[in-house]
């Protein structure tokens, strides 16, 4: 079974329960989560917890939403 791929920050944000859901999953303060929303990306240190939460609901998202670099980007 393949997962639904969410392409944007907003799609992931909505799928994970928006502000409250993301804050609950990460344990981050409301003001911190608001900064992520304003920036339109998640910090790298939330990658595992949020991608696991997505996987649990049958979804996935590109690593770039966490400011992750793929090998080609890492070595210009």
Protein backbone atom coordinates (compact mmCIF):
# COMPACT_ATOMS: atom_id res chain seq x y z
CA UNK A 1 0.00 0.00 0.00
CA UNK A 2 1.44 3.39 -0.96
CA UNK A 3 1.01 6.48 1.15
CA UNK A 4 -0.55 9.75 0.10
CA UNK A 5 2.22 12.26 -0.57
CA UNK A 6 1.64 15.70 0.88
CA UNK A 7 3.61 18.25 -1.11
CA UNK A 8 3.33 21.43 0.96
CA UNK A 9 3.85 22.63 4.49
CA UNK A 10 0.15 23.55 4.68
CA UNK A 11 -0.94 20.03 3.71
CA UNK A 12 1.27 18.52 6.42
CA UNK A 13 0.17 21.15 8.94
CA UNK A 14 -3.50 20.35 8.29
CA UNK A 15 -2.99 16.57 8.28
CA UNK A 16 -1.25 16.67 11.66
CA UNK A 17 -3.96 18.71 13.36
CA UNK A 18 -2.72 22.21 12.71
CA UNK A 19 -1.32 24.27 15.59
CA UNK A 20 -2.55 22.08 18.46
CA UNK A 21 -1.66 18.79 16.78
CA UNK A 22 1.86 19.83 15.81
CA UNK A 23 2.48 21.31 19.26
CA UNK A 24 1.24 18.15 20.97
CA UNK A 25 3.35 15.89 18.76
CA UNK A 26 6.56 17.87 19.18
CA UNK A 27 6.14 19.18 22.72
CA UNK A 28 6.96 22.66 21.43
CA UNK A 29 5.53 25.85 22.92
CA UNK A 30 2.69 27.61 21.11
CA UNK A 31 4.95 30.56 20.20
CA UNK A 32 7.54 28.21 18.70
CA UNK A 33 4.97 26.36 16.62
CA UNK A 34 3.62 29.72 15.42
CA UNK A 35 7.10 30.62 14.17
CA UNK A 36 7.20 27.38 12.15
CA UNK A 37 3.82 28.23 10.65
CA UNK A 38 5.00 31.72 9.72
CA UNK A 39 8.21 30.34 8.19
CA UNK A 40 6.32 27.66 6.26
CA UNK A 41 8.72 24.89 7.24
CA UNK A 42 9.45 22.59 10.14
CA UNK A 43 12.83 22.48 11.90
CA UNK A 44 15.00 19.46 11.18
CA UNK A 45 14.78 18.23 14.77
CA UNK A 46 11.05 17.49 14.27
CA UNK A 47 11.62 15.31 11.20
CA UNK A 48 11.41 11.89 12.84
CA UNK A 49 8.43 12.59 15.11
CA UNK A 50 6.39 14.28 12.40
CA UNK A 51 7.21 11.85 9.59
CA UNK A 52 6.34 8.96 11.95
CA UNK A 53 3.02 10.69 12.72
CA UNK A 54 2.36 11.11 9.00
CA UNK A 55 3.23 7.48 8.32
CA UNK A 56 0.78 6.40 11.04
CA UNK A 57 -2.04 8.09 9.09
CA UNK A 58 -0.91 6.79 5.70
CA UNK A 59 0.82 9.95 4.48
CA UNK A 60 4.32 11.17 3.68
CA UNK A 61 5.99 14.44 2.70
CA UNK A 62 9.21 15.59 1.04
CA UNK A 63 12.26 15.98 3.25
CA UNK A 64 12.63 19.57 2.06
CA UNK A 65 9.73 20.62 4.29
CA UNK A 66 12.15 20.07 7.17
CA UNK A 67 14.98 21.94 5.44
CA UNK A 68 16.72 18.63 4.80
CA UNK A 69 19.20 18.48 1.95
CA UNK A 70 19.49 15.58 -0.41
CA UNK A 71 23.05 14.49 -1.28
CA UNK A 72 23.16 16.42 -4.56
CA UNK A 73 22.28 19.63 -2.68
CA UNK A 74 24.78 18.92 0.07
CA UNK A 75 27.75 18.77 -2.32
CA UNK A 76 27.44 21.60 -4.88
